[in-house]
Amino acid sequence: MHPQKIWDTDTARRYDTPGTGMFAPETLGPTVDRLAQLAGDGAALEFAIGTGRVAVPLAGRGVPVTGIELSLPMVEQLRAKADETTIPVVVGDMATAVAPGEYSLVYLVYNTISNLLTQAEQVECFRNAARHLTPGGRFVIELWVPELRSLPPGRTATVWQSDPDYIGLDTYDVLHQQVVSHHFRFDGTEQAQLFRSPHRYIWPAELDLMAQLAGFEPESRHADWDGTAFTAESRSHVSVYRVPPSR
């Protein structure tokens, strides 16, 4: 499944769910608050900016935001909310594309680094973040913790959400460190709508090593954007890495 086939026009049109899901105020509000705090008086660069779920409210807080995005249909949806002057976007791969200028913050939200399907690409994503940052700048990643402990021998799938109108499950290939997320949505008929996306999952310790290879220092890790302590039971994390000030 090529990324441009996954993030096509139909997916882009259905992506936004104003007021619910990842667009819910209780989810989006703490995300924007924390990123605005980390950006300080500098500019922010969002890898895989998508339809601007985070970038638009962050720019509304006075933070200059630029984006990198591979999917043109996603950028078209963003353009209905903000023009090129307000939020410039470079079309390209977040592991290699270069945006003009320097930034105090680069960020990747909602598990997006896992859309890069090889370890080499993920390491290059860290290096790309580092090349955009000023000394002391930060790279922030929001990522889920692979549910490997839920996989007894012979089992390859975990259900991570089950609601009356939605079921989310992941199928794991632990040999190649790959996972496919399956999103089933129900509308009251006998038919279900299925959306699937492939990922390469990353254990937190491996993520830290990628950061080290790119020249970052670890700064913090929490279970969410509200600053909840990260524990062995946490299902996700927000990790902040910093370029040494004396670089």
C-alpha atoms as a PDB file:
ATOM      1  CA  MET A   1       0.000   0.000   0.000  1.00  0.00           C
ATOM      2  CA  HIS A   2       1.744   3.158  -1.214  1.00  0.00           C
ATOM      3  CA  PRO A   3       1.186   6.238   1.015  1.00  0.00           C
ATOM      4  CA  GLN A   4      -0.214   8.291  -1.864  1.00  0.00           C
ATOM      5  CA  LYS A   5      -2.854   5.607  -2.477  1.00  0.00           C
ATOM      6  CA  ILE A   6      -3.778   5.542   1.211  1.00  0.00           C
ATOM      7  CA  TRP A   7      -3.976   9.306   1.694  1.00  0.00           C
ATOM      8  CA  ASP A   8      -5.990   9.913  -1.456  1.00  0.00           C
ATOM      9  CA  THR A   9      -8.821  12.341  -2.199  1.00  0.00           C
ATOM     10  CA  ASP A  10     -11.537  10.217  -0.570  1.00  0.00           C
ATOM     11  CA  THR A  11      -9.505   9.727   2.612  1.00  0.00           C
ATOM     12  CA  ALA A  12      -8.635  13.429   2.782  1.00  0.00           C
ATOM     13  CA  ARG A  13     -12.292  14.412   2.472  1.00  0.00           C
ATOM     14  CA  ARG A  14     -13.269  12.071   5.310  1.00  0.00           C
ATOM     15  CA  TYR A  15     -10.299  12.848   7.528  1.00  0.00           C
ATOM     16  CA  ASP A  16     -11.659  15.773   9.532  1.00  0.00           C
ATOM     17  CA  THR A  17     -14.157  14.992  12.292  1.00  0.00           C
ATOM     18  CA  PRO A  18     -14.747  18.426  13.859  1.00  0.00           C
ATOM     19  CA  GLY A  19     -15.379  18.257  17.583  1.00  0.00           C
ATOM     20  CA  THR A  20     -14.969  14.482  17.872  1.00  0.00           C
ATOM     21  CA  GLY A  21     -12.214  11.865  17.860  1.00  0.00           C
ATOM     22  CA  MET A  22      -8.774  13.399  17.517  1.00  0.00           C
ATOM     23  CA  PHE A  23     -10.463  16.748  16.764  1.00  0.00           C
ATOM     24  CA  ALA A  24     -12.224  16.756  20.151  1.00  0.00           C
ATOM     25  CA  PRO A  25     -11.334  19.811  22.281  1.00  0.00           C
ATOM     26  CA  GLU A  26     -10.100  17.629  25.142  1.00  0.00           C
ATOM     27  CA  THR A  27      -7.632  15.978  22.729  1.00  0.00           C
ATOM     28  CA  LEU A  28      -6.628  18.905  20.548  1.00  0.00           C
ATOM     29  CA  GLY A  29      -6.503  21.582  23.248  1.00  0.00           C
ATOM     30  CA  PRO A  30      -3.675  20.084  25.356  1.00  0.00           C
ATOM     31  CA  THR A  31      -1.738  19.248  22.177  1.00  0.00           C
ATOM     32  CA  VAL A  32      -1.761  22.846  20.971  1.00  0.00           C
ATOM     33  CA  ASP A  33      -1.066  24.201  24.460  1.00  0.00           C
ATOM     34  CA  ARG A  34       2.035  22.059  24.883  1.00  0.00           C
ATOM     35  CA  LEU A  35       3.396  22.735  21.395  1.00  0.00           C
ATOM     36  CA  ALA A  36       2.912  26.488  21.786  1.00  0.00           C
ATOM     37  CA  GLN A  37       4.836  26.327  25.043  1.00  0.00           C
ATOM     38  CA  LEU A  38       7.682  24.362  23.440  1.00  0.00           C
ATOM     39  CA  ALA A  39       7.882  26.656  20.409  1.00  0.00           C
ATOM     40  CA  GLY A  40       8.317  29.727  22.616  1.00  0.00           C
ATOM     41  CA  ASP A  41       9.081  32.771  20.506  1.00  0.00           C
ATOM     42  CA  GLY A  42      10.305  30.663  17.565  1.00  0.00           C
ATOM     43  CA  ALA A  43       8.712  29.070  14.528  1.00  0.00           C
ATOM     44  CA  ALA A  44       7.358  25.515  14.272  1.00  0.00           C
ATOM     45  CA  LEU A  45       7.619  22.926  11.509  1.00  0.00           C
ATOM     46  CA  GLU A  46       5.091  20.094  11.334  1.00  0.00           C
ATOM     47  CA  PHE A  47       6.109  16.899   9.570  1.00  0.00           C
ATOM     48  CA  ALA A  48       3.081  15.321   7.821  1.00  0.00           C
ATOM     49  CA  ILE A  49       0.917  18.370   8.431  1.00  0.00           C
ATOM     50  CA  GLY A  50      -2.119  16.723   6.834  1.00  0.00           C
ATOM     51  CA  THR A  51      -5.283  18.813   6.839  1.00  0.00           C
ATOM     52  CA  GLY A  52      -3.932  21.156   9.510  1.00  0.00           C
ATOM     53  CA  ARG A  53      -5.671  19.615  12.521  1.00  0.00           C
ATOM     54  CA  VAL A  54      -2.897  20.899  14.816  1.00  0.00           C
ATOM     55  CA  ALA A  55      -1.220  23.509  12.629  1.00  0.00           C
ATOM     56  CA  VAL A  56      -4.269  25.724  12.161  1.00  0.00           C
ATOM     57  CA  PRO A  57      -5.040  26.244  15.872  1.00  0.00           C
ATOM     58  CA  LEU A  58      -1.319  26.487  16.648  1.00  0.00           C
ATOM     59  CA  ALA A  59      -0.921  29.262  14.064  1.00  0.00           C
ATOM     60  CA  GLY A  60      -3.985  30.861  15.616  1.00  0.00           C
ATOM     61  CA  ARG A  61      -2.022  31.061  18.860  1.00  0.00           C
ATOM     62  CA  GLY A  62       0.567  33.239  17.128  1.00  0.00           C
ATOM     63  CA  VAL A  63       3.149  30.524  16.393  1.00  0.00           C
ATOM     64  CA  PRO A  64       4.471  30.710  12.803  1.00  0.00           C
ATOM     65  CA  VAL A  65       3.868  27.220  11.368  1.00  0.00           C
ATOM     66  CA  THR A  66       5.251  25.619   8.216  1.00  0.00           C
ATOM     67  CA  GLY A  67       4.416  22.102   7.070  1.00  0.00           C
ATOM     68  CA  ILE A  68       5.803  19.212   5.071  1.00  0.00           C
ATOM     69  CA  GLU A  69       3.222  16.871   3.538  1.00  0.00           C
ATOM     70  CA  LEU A  70       3.385  14.072   0.967  1.00  0.00           C
ATOM     71  CA  SER A  71      -0.334  13.974   0.081  1.00  0.00           C
ATOM     72  CA  LEU A  72      -1.639  16.696  -2.222  1.00  0.00           C
ATOM     73  CA  PRO A  73      -5.297  15.898  -1.375  1.00  0.00           C
ATOM     74  CA  MET A  74      -4.542  16.470   2.316  1.00  0.00           C
ATOM     75  CA  VAL A  75      -2.919  19.816   1.482  1.00  0.00           C
ATOM     76  CA  GLU A  76      -5.994  20.769  -0.549  1.00  0.00           C
ATOM     77  CA  GLN A  77      -8.143  20.225   2.533  1.00  0.00           C
ATOM     78  CA  LEU A  78      -5.737  22.366   4.564  1.00  0.00           C
ATOM     79  CA  ARG A  79      -6.016  25.141   1.999  1.00  0.00           C
ATOM     80  CA  ALA A  80      -9.731  25.428   2.747  1.00  0.00           C
ATOM     81  CA  LYS A  81      -8.701  26.562   6.254  1.00  0.00           C
ATOM     82  CA  ALA A  82      -5.473  28.518   5.720  1.00  0.00           C
ATOM     83  CA  ASP A  83      -3.711  29.961   2.699  1.00  0.00           C
ATOM     84  CA  GLU A  84      -0.076  29.524   1.707  1.00  0.00           C
ATOM     85  CA  THR A  85       0.938  32.790   3.335  1.00  0.00           C
ATOM     86  CA  THR A  86      -0.551  31.780   6.686  1.00  0.00           C
ATOM     87  CA  ILE A  87       0.759  28.197   6.692  1.00  0.00           C
ATOM     88  CA  PRO A  88       3.346  27.454   3.974  1.00  0.00           C
ATOM     89  CA  VAL A  89       3.616  23.786   2.969  1.00  0.00           C
ATOM     90  CA  VAL A  90       6.429  21.954   1.218  1.00  0.00           C
ATOM     91  CA  VAL A  91       5.129  18.929  -0.689  1.00  0.00           C
ATOM     92  CA  GLY A  92       7.427  15.988  -0.060  1.00  0.00           C
ATOM     93  CA  ASP A  93       8.561  13.153   2.193  1.00  0.00           C
ATOM     94  CA  MET A  94       9.104  14.139   5.823  1.00  0.00           C
ATOM     95  CA  ALA A  95      12.306  12.080   5.932  1.00  0.00           C
ATOM     96  CA  THR A  96      13.992  14.078   3.163  1.00  0.00           C
ATOM     97  CA  ALA A  97      12.079  17.248   2.200  1.00  0.00           C
ATOM     98  CA  VAL A  98      13.582  20.545   3.320  1.00  0.00           C
ATOM     99  CA  ALA A  99      11.567  23.578   4.391  1.00  0.00           C
ATOM    100  CA  PRO A 100      13.114  27.056   4.203  1.00  0.00           C
ATOM    101  CA  GLY A 101      14.139  28.762   7.413  1.00  0.00           C
ATOM    102  CA  GLU A 102      15.084  27.597  10.888  1.00  0.00           C
ATOM    103  CA  TYR A 103      12.801  26.434  13.659  1.00  0.00           C
ATOM    104  CA  SER A 104      12.723  26.167  17.421  1.00  0.00           C
ATOM    105  CA  LEU A 105      10.281  23.256  17.172  1.00  0.00           C
ATOM    106  CA  VAL A 106       9.677  20.345  14.824  1.00  0.00           C
ATOM    107  CA  TYR A 107       6.814  18.029  15.690  1.00  0.00           C
ATOM    108  CA  LEU A 108       5.161  14.801  14.567  1.00  0.00           C
ATOM    109  CA  VAL A 109       1.762  13.940  16.047  1.00  0.00           C
ATOM    110  CA  TYR A 110      -0.653  11.019  16.173  1.00  0.00           C
ATOM    111  CA  ASN A 111       1.782   8.154  15.414  1.00  0.00           C
ATOM    112  CA  THR A 112       2.783   9.597  12.042  1.00  0.00           C
ATOM    113  CA  ILE A 113       6.458   8.588  12.198  1.00  0.00           C
ATOM    114  CA  SER A 114       5.253   4.979  11.948  1.00  0.00           C
ATOM    115  CA  ASN A 115       4.011   5.732   8.419  1.00  0.00           C
ATOM    116  CA  LEU A 116       7.673   5.444   7.421  1.00  0.00           C
ATOM    117  CA  LEU A 117       7.964   1.700   6.918  1.00  0.00           C
ATOM    118  CA  THR A 118      11.690   1.110   7.412  1.00  0.00           C
ATOM    119  CA  GLN A 119      14.055   1.805  10.268  1.00  0.00           C
ATOM    120  CA  ALA A 120      16.372   3.672   7.889  1.00  0.00           C
ATOM    121  CA  GLU A 121      13.598   6.076   6.867  1.00  0.00           C
ATOM    122  CA  GLN A 122      12.661   6.683  10.484  1.00  0.00           C
ATOM    123  CA  VAL A 123      16.261   7.496  11.390  1.00  0.00           C
ATOM    124  CA  GLU A 124      16.430   9.883   8.417  1.00  0.00           C
ATOM    125  CA  CYS A 125      13.285  11.569   9.727  1.00  0.00           C
ATOM    126  CA  PHE A 126      15.126  12.345  12.967  1.00  0.00           C
ATOM    127  CA  ARG A 127      18.100  13.666  11.009  1.00  0.00           C
ATOM    128  CA  ASN A 128      15.797  15.800   8.892  1.00  0.00           C
ATOM    129  CA  ALA A 129      14.272  17.275  12.036  1.00  0.00           C
ATOM    130  CA  ALA A 130      17.733  18.036  13.396  1.00  0.00           C
ATOM    131  CA  ARG A 131      18.830  19.873  10.261  1.00  0.00           C
ATOM    132  CA  HIS A 132      15.845  22.224  10.541  1.00  0.00           C
ATOM    133  CA  LEU A 133      16.339  23.111  14.212  1.00  0.00           C
ATOM    134  CA  THR A 134      18.301  25.914  15.806  1.00  0.00           C
ATOM    135  CA  PRO A 135      20.645  25.019  18.702  1.00  0.00           C
ATOM    136  CA  GLY A 136      18.487  24.142  21.681  1.00  0.00           C
ATOM    137  CA  GLY A 137      15.507  23.406  19.425  1.00  0.00           C
ATOM    138  CA  ARG A 138      13.160  20.529  20.143  1.00  0.00           C
ATOM    139  CA  PHE A 139      11.720  17.584  18.217  1.00  0.00           C
ATOM    140  CA  VAL A 140       8.431  16.252  19.608  1.00  0.00           C
ATOM    141  CA  ILE A 141       6.909  12.889  18.705  1.00  0.00           C
ATOM    142  CA  GLU A 142       3.532  11.493  19.734  1.00  0.00           C
ATOM    143  CA  LEU A 143       3.493   7.715  19.331  1.00  0.00           C
ATOM    144  CA  TRP A 144       1.641   4.656  20.526  1.00  0.00           C
ATOM    145  CA  VAL A 145       3.326   1.875  22.496  1.00  0.00           C
ATOM    146  CA  PRO A 146       3.169  -1.423  20.559  1.00  0.00           C
ATOM    147  CA  GLU A 147       0.856  -3.837  22.350  1.00  0.00           C
ATOM    148  CA  LEU A 148       3.271  -6.736  22.072  1.00  0.00           C
ATOM    149  CA  ARG A 149       2.484  -7.985  25.570  1.00  0.00           C
ATOM    150  CA  SER A 150      -1.084  -8.640  24.385  1.00  0.00           C
ATOM    151  CA  LEU A 151       0.119 -11.114  21.752  1.00  0.00           C
ATOM    152  CA  PRO A 152       0.379 -14.683  23.109  1.00  0.00           C
ATOM    153  CA  PRO A 153       2.019 -17.280  20.825  1.00  0.00           C
ATOM    154  CA  GLY A 154      -0.009 -17.789  17.676  1.00  0.00           C
ATOM    155  CA  ARG A 155      -2.016 -14.575  18.009  1.00  0.00           C
ATOM    156  CA  THR A 156      -1.352 -11.758  15.549  1.00  0.00           C
ATOM    157  CA  ALA A 157      -4.081  -9.171  16.244  1.00  0.00           C
ATOM    158  CA  THR A 158      -5.178  -6.827  19.029  1.00  0.00           C
ATOM    159  CA  VAL A 159      -8.420  -4.869  19.301  1.00  0.00           C
ATOM    160  CA  TRP A 160      -7.549  -1.447  20.686  1.00  0.00           C
ATOM    161  CA  GLN A 161     -10.948   0.213  20.482  1.00  0.00           C
ATOM    162  CA  SER A 162     -14.494  -1.137  20.298  1.00  0.00           C
ATOM    163  CA  ASP A 163     -17.504   1.198  20.120  1.00  0.00           C
ATOM    164  CA  PRO A 164     -21.011   0.704  18.709  1.00  0.00           C
ATOM    165  CA  ASP A 165     -20.066   2.534  15.508  1.00  0.00           C
ATOM    166  CA  TYR A 166     -16.334   1.779  15.336  1.00  0.00           C
ATOM    167  CA  ILE A 167     -13.839  -1.057  15.817  1.00  0.00           C
ATOM    168  CA  GLY A 168     -10.079  -0.542  15.589  1.00  0.00           C
ATOM    169  CA  LEU A 169      -7.687  -3.476  15.434  1.00  0.00           C
ATOM    170  CA  ASP A 170      -4.042  -3.986  14.569  1.00  0.00           C
ATOM    171  CA  THR A 171      -2.475  -7.033  12.920  1.00  0.00           C
ATOM    172  CA  TYR A 172       1.186  -7.556  13.779  1.00  0.00           C
ATOM    173  CA  ASP A 173       4.095  -9.042  11.864  1.00  0.00           C
ATOM    174  CA  VAL A 174       6.604  -9.249  14.713  1.00  0.00           C
ATOM    175  CA  LEU A 175       9.318 -10.773  12.514  1.00  0.00           C
ATOM    176  CA  HIS A 176       9.509  -7.637  10.346  1.00  0.00           C
ATOM    177  CA  GLN A 177       8.244  -5.135  12.974  1.00  0.00           C
ATOM    178  CA  GLN A 178       5.252  -4.215  10.851  1.00  0.00           C
ATOM    179  CA  VAL A 179       1.622  -3.598  11.774  1.00  0.00           C
ATOM    180  CA  VAL A 180      -1.497  -2.876   9.738  1.00  0.00           C
ATOM    181  CA  SER A 181      -4.194  -0.798  11.403  1.00  0.00           C
ATOM    182  CA  HIS A 182      -7.769  -1.697  10.435  1.00  0.00           C
ATOM    183  CA  HIS A 183     -10.526   0.868  11.045  1.00  0.00           C
ATOM    184  CA  PHE A 184     -14.077  -0.450  10.722  1.00  0.00           C
ATOM    185  CA  ARG A 185     -16.874   2.134  10.791  1.00  0.00           C
ATOM    186  CA  PHE A 186     -20.574   1.283  10.922  1.00  0.00           C
ATOM    187  CA  ASP A 187     -23.431   3.539   9.805  1.00  0.00           C
ATOM    188  CA  GLY A 188     -26.502   1.537  10.859  1.00  0.00           C
ATOM    189  CA  THR A 189     -26.658  -0.607   7.719  1.00  0.00           C
ATOM    190  CA  GLU A 190     -25.351  -4.140   7.271  1.00  0.00           C
ATOM    191  CA  GLN A 191     -22.274  -2.759   5.524  1.00  0.00           C
ATOM    192  CA  ALA A 192     -19.064  -1.578   7.209  1.00  0.00           C
ATOM    193  CA  GLN A 193     -16.536   0.906   5.847  1.00  0.00           C
ATOM    194  CA  LEU A 194     -12.918  -0.255   6.143  1.00  0.00           C
ATOM    195  CA  PHE A 195      -9.784   1.890   6.098  1.00  0.00           C
ATOM    196  CA  ARG A 196      -6.366   0.236   6.452  1.00  0.00           C
ATOM    197  CA  SER A 197      -2.897   1.711   6.886  1.00  0.00           C
ATOM    198  CA  PRO A 198       0.521   0.022   7.243  1.00  0.00           C
ATOM    199  CA  HIS A 199       3.051   1.075   9.879  1.00  0.00           C
ATOM    200  CA  ARG A 200       6.441   0.184  11.296  1.00  0.00           C
ATOM    201  CA  TYR A 201       6.073   0.133  15.059  1.00  0.00           C
ATOM    202  CA  ILE A 202       8.803   1.516  17.317  1.00  0.00           C
ATOM    203  CA  TRP A 203       9.482   0.611  20.933  1.00  0.00           C
ATOM    204  CA  PRO A 204      10.317   3.699  23.054  1.00  0.00           C
ATOM    205  CA  ALA A 205      13.916   2.572  23.622  1.00  0.00           C
ATOM    206  CA  GLU A 206      14.462   2.246  19.867  1.00  0.00           C
ATOM    207  CA  LEU A 207      13.042   5.726  19.372  1.00  0.00           C
ATOM    208  CA  ASP A 208      15.582   7.057  21.887  1.00  0.00           C
ATOM    209  CA  LEU A 209      18.396   5.407  19.959  1.00  0.00           C
ATOM    210  CA  MET A 210      17.196   6.998  16.710  1.00  0.00           C
ATOM    211  CA  ALA A 211      17.282  10.350  18.462  1.00  0.00           C
ATOM    212  CA  GLN A 212      20.819   9.740  19.679  1.00  0.00           C
ATOM    213  CA  LEU A 213      21.992   8.815  16.161  1.00  0.00           C
ATOM    214  CA  ALA A 214      20.644  12.169  14.917  1.00  0.00           C
ATOM    215  CA  GLY A 215      22.432  14.137  17.643  1.00  0.00           C
ATOM    216  CA  PHE A 216      19.489  14.752  19.987  1.00  0.00           C
ATOM    217  CA  GLU A 217      19.390  14.593  23.760  1.00  0.00           C
ATOM    218  CA  PRO A 218      16.277  13.246  25.535  1.00  0.00           C
ATOM    219  CA  GLU A 219      14.398  15.925  27.442  1.00  0.00           C
ATOM    220  CA  SER A 220      11.103  14.418  28.614  1.00  0.00           C
ATOM    221  CA  ARG A 221       8.563  11.659  28.074  1.00  0.00           C
ATOM    222  CA  HIS A 222       4.956  11.694  29.255  1.00  0.00           C
ATOM    223  CA  ALA A 223       1.978   9.468  28.615  1.00  0.00           C
ATOM    224  CA  ASP A 224      -0.015  12.296  27.002  1.00  0.00           C
ATOM    225  CA  TRP A 225      -0.044  15.998  26.196  1.00  0.00           C
ATOM    226  CA  ASP A 226      -1.341  16.815  29.679  1.00  0.00           C
ATOM    227  CA  GLY A 227       1.930  15.652  31.236  1.00  0.00           C
ATOM    228  CA  THR A 228       0.683  12.409  32.811  1.00  0.00           C
ATOM    229  CA  ALA A 229       3.575  10.250  34.030  1.00  0.00           C
ATOM    230  CA  PHE A 230       4.744   7.613  31.563  1.00  0.00           C
ATOM    231  CA  THR A 231       4.634   4.106  33.060  1.00  0.00           C
ATOM    232  CA  ALA A 232       4.880   0.491  31.963  1.00  0.00           C
ATOM    233  CA  GLU A 233       1.100   0.533  31.476  1.00  0.00           C
ATOM    234  CA  SER A 234       0.980   3.633  29.243  1.00  0.00           C
ATOM    235  CA  ARG A 235      -0.490   3.009  25.802  1.00  0.00           C
ATOM    236  CA  SER A 236       1.137   6.046  24.197  1.00  0.00           C
ATOM    237  CA  HIS A 237       3.750   8.697  24.834  1.00  0.00           C
ATOM    238  CA  VAL A 238       4.788  12.227  23.948  1.00  0.00           C
ATOM    239  CA  SER A 239       8.584  12.308  23.746  1.00  0.00           C
ATOM    240  CA  VAL A 240      10.610  15.512  23.548  1.00  0.00           C
ATOM    241  CA  TYR A 241      14.192  15.541  22.243  1.00  0.00           C
ATOM    242  CA  ARG A 242      16.483  18.534  22.178  1.00  0.00           C
ATOM    243  CA  VAL A 243      19.367  19.654  20.014  1.00  0.00           C
ATOM    244  CA  PRO A 244      22.275  20.520  22.366  1.00  0.00           C
ATOM    245  CA  PRO A 245      22.432  24.318  22.791  1.00  0.00           C
ATOM    246  CA  SER A 246      26.137  24.326  21.994  1.00  0.00           C
ATOM    247  CA  ARG A 247      25.807  22.501  18.668  1.00  0.00           C
END
